[in-house]
Amino acid sequence: MLYYCISTEDELAMLFRVHPASGVPIYLQIESQVRHAVAAGALRHDDQLPSVRRLAAELRVNPNTVARAFQNLERDGVIRTVPGGGCYVNQQSPGLLRAEKVRRLKPLATQLAVEASQLRFSREETLRLLEQSFNDLGDSHDGTRG
């Protein structure tokens, strides 16, 4: 497990963790952590991400891995790239069609259900855990949008 901590001028601390042996591609781990930080408010509009080279060096991964994560995040509107100026968090992700939202969430829901089953968590325990995760994100993420 590798860790990387960023401190910006605003004293923003962001922690990236990669688990090479987890079976989840590293670029997806990076993407997921950035998305989570944005959803949780730890990364806000105009916060700068580290450069691809810097993050790759700190995580000891191929720069193409970090670049792929950043490209996917930019494609999805989570971040924007300023040529020669770095990557920044966008104000808001663009609205997505419901079918696209379901397409993205379905594999995660399936993974959660499989993991819960393997760990012998009941459906109720799993739903409580998911509800707690929503609560941890805060009141502004009530799921009523789009």
Protein backbone atom coordinates (compact mmCIF):
# COMPACT_ATOMS: atom_id res chain seq x y z
CA MET A 1 0.00 0.00 0.00
CA LEU A 2 1.37 3.41 -1.01
CA TYR A 3 0.24 6.78 0.30
CA TYR A 4 0.58 10.29 -1.03
CA CYS A 5 -0.45 13.43 0.81
CA ILE A 6 -0.98 16.80 -0.86
CA SER A 7 -0.92 20.11 0.99
CA THR A 8 -2.09 23.16 -0.96
CA GLU A 9 -1.96 26.81 -0.03
CA ASP A 10 -5.42 26.40 1.49
CA GLU A 11 -4.04 23.65 3.74
CA LEU A 12 -6.11 21.12 1.82
CA ALA A 13 -4.92 17.63 2.64
CA MET A 14 -5.78 14.86 0.23
CA LEU A 15 -4.70 11.30 0.72
CA PHE A 16 -4.25 8.97 -2.22
CA ARG A 17 -3.85 5.29 -1.41
CA VAL A 18 -3.05 2.64 -3.97
CA HIS A 19 -3.20 -1.05 -3.27
CA PRO A 20 -1.37 -2.81 -6.13
CA ALA A 21 -2.45 -6.27 -4.97
CA SER A 22 -6.16 -5.41 -4.60
CA GLY A 23 -7.17 -6.57 -8.05
CA VAL A 24 -8.59 -3.12 -8.84
CA PRO A 25 -6.58 -1.30 -11.51
CA ILE A 26 -4.56 1.54 -10.02
CA TYR A 27 -6.01 4.12 -12.40
CA LEU A 28 -9.50 3.21 -11.13
CA GLN A 29 -8.31 3.52 -7.53
CA ILE A 30 -7.02 7.04 -8.25
CA GLU A 31 -10.23 8.00 -10.10
CA SER A 32 -12.41 6.69 -7.29
CA GLN A 33 -10.48 8.56 -4.62
CA VAL A 34 -10.66 11.86 -6.51
CA ARG A 35 -14.41 11.39 -7.10
CA HIS A 36 -14.94 10.58 -3.43
CA ALA A 37 -12.95 13.63 -2.32
CA VAL A 38 -15.03 15.86 -4.60
CA ALA A 39 -18.32 14.31 -3.44
CA ALA A 40 -17.30 14.65 0.20
CA GLY A 41 -16.20 18.26 -0.27
CA ALA A 42 -12.56 17.58 0.54
CA LEU A 43 -11.71 18.81 -2.96
CA ARG A 44 -13.58 21.91 -4.07
CA HIS A 45 -13.97 23.99 -7.20
CA ASP A 46 -10.60 25.21 -8.50
CA ASP A 47 -8.49 23.05 -6.15
CA GLN A 48 -5.40 21.96 -8.06
CA LEU A 49 -4.41 18.32 -8.32
CA PRO A 50 -0.76 17.33 -8.37
CA SER A 51 0.88 16.94 -11.76
CA VAL A 52 0.76 13.55 -13.43
CA ARG A 53 4.53 13.14 -13.07
CA ARG A 54 4.61 14.20 -9.45
CA LEU A 55 1.77 11.91 -8.39
CA ALA A 56 3.18 9.00 -10.40
CA ALA A 57 6.60 9.44 -8.79
CA GLU A 58 5.16 9.63 -5.29
CA LEU A 59 2.93 6.58 -5.80
CA ARG A 60 5.69 4.75 -7.67
CA VAL A 61 3.43 3.99 -10.62
CA ASN A 62 3.73 4.55 -14.35
CA PRO A 63 2.81 8.12 -15.34
CA ASN A 64 0.47 6.65 -17.99
CA THR A 65 -1.58 5.17 -15.12
CA VAL A 66 -2.12 8.57 -13.51
CA ALA A 67 -2.68 10.18 -16.92
CA ARG A 68 -5.40 7.64 -17.70
CA ALA A 69 -7.17 8.39 -14.42
CA PHE A 70 -6.96 12.14 -15.04
CA GLN A 71 -8.17 11.73 -18.66
CA ASN A 72 -11.21 9.76 -17.48
CA LEU A 73 -11.95 12.34 -14.79
CA GLU A 74 -11.68 15.12 -17.36
CA ARG A 75 -13.91 13.24 -19.83
CA ASP A 76 -16.53 12.92 -17.08
CA GLY A 77 -16.28 16.60 -16.19
CA VAL A 78 -14.90 16.08 -12.69
CA ILE A 79 -11.67 17.95 -13.46
CA ARG A 80 -10.43 20.27 -16.17
CA THR A 81 -6.93 20.57 -17.59
CA VAL A 82 -5.33 23.91 -18.29
CA PRO A 83 -2.58 23.38 -20.87
CA GLY A 84 0.71 24.04 -19.13
CA GLY A 85 -1.14 24.93 -15.94
CA GLY A 86 -2.25 21.67 -14.38
CA CYS A 87 -5.50 19.95 -13.49
CA TYR A 88 -8.24 21.57 -11.42
CA VAL A 89 -11.52 20.44 -9.90
CA ASN A 90 -14.51 21.56 -11.97
CA GLN A 91 -17.34 23.49 -10.38
CA GLN A 92 -19.90 20.75 -11.01
CA SER A 93 -19.95 17.54 -12.93
CA PRO A 94 -22.24 17.75 -15.93
CA GLY A 95 -25.68 16.22 -15.64
CA LEU A 96 -25.83 12.65 -16.85
CA LEU A 97 -28.72 10.67 -18.21
CA ARG A 98 -30.27 8.25 -15.76
CA ALA A 99 -29.21 5.29 -17.92
CA GLU A 100 -25.56 6.43 -17.72
CA LYS A 101 -25.80 6.85 -13.95
CA VAL A 102 -27.21 3.32 -13.62
CA ARG A 103 -24.51 1.97 -15.95
CA ARG A 104 -21.81 3.45 -13.71
CA LEU A 105 -23.35 2.45 -10.38
CA LYS A 106 -24.51 -1.08 -11.24
CA PRO A 107 -21.03 -2.68 -11.12
CA LEU A 108 -20.32 -0.98 -7.78
CA ALA A 109 -23.65 -2.13 -6.35
CA THR A 110 -22.96 -5.66 -7.54
CA GLN A 111 -19.48 -5.58 -6.02
CA LEU A 112 -20.91 -4.36 -2.69
CA ALA A 113 -23.57 -7.10 -2.70
CA VAL A 114 -21.01 -9.81 -3.47
CA GLU A 115 -18.58 -8.57 -0.81
CA ALA A 116 -21.35 -8.30 1.78
CA SER A 117 -22.51 -11.81 0.98
CA GLN A 118 -18.99 -13.21 1.24
CA LEU A 119 -18.52 -11.46 4.57
CA ARG A 120 -21.90 -12.81 5.71
CA PHE A 121 -23.38 -9.34 6.17
CA SER A 122 -27.17 -9.34 6.08
CA ARG A 123 -29.03 -7.22 3.57
CA GLU A 124 -30.12 -4.95 6.44
CA GLU A 125 -26.55 -4.53 7.76
CA THR A 126 -25.33 -3.73 4.27
CA LEU A 127 -28.08 -1.18 3.66
CA ARG A 128 -27.32 0.44 7.04
CA LEU A 129 -23.65 0.67 6.07
CA LEU A 130 -24.57 2.27 2.75
CA GLU A 131 -26.92 4.69 4.50
CA GLN A 132 -24.11 5.64 6.89
CA SER A 133 -21.84 6.33 3.92
CA PHE A 134 -24.47 8.70 2.50
CA ASN A 135 -24.75 10.38 5.91
CA ASP A 136 -20.98 10.78 6.05
CA LEU A 137 -21.11 12.73 2.77
CA GLY A 138 -23.38 15.29 4.38
CA ASP A 139 -26.86 16.69 3.91
CA SER A 140 -26.14 18.33 0.54
CA HIS A 141 -25.95 14.91 -1.14
CA ASP A 142 -29.48 13.65 -0.62
CA GLY A 143 -29.85 12.01 -4.02
CA THR A 144 -32.73 14.22 -5.14
CA ARG A 145 -30.81 15.73 -8.05
CA GLY A 146 -31.04 14.31 -11.58
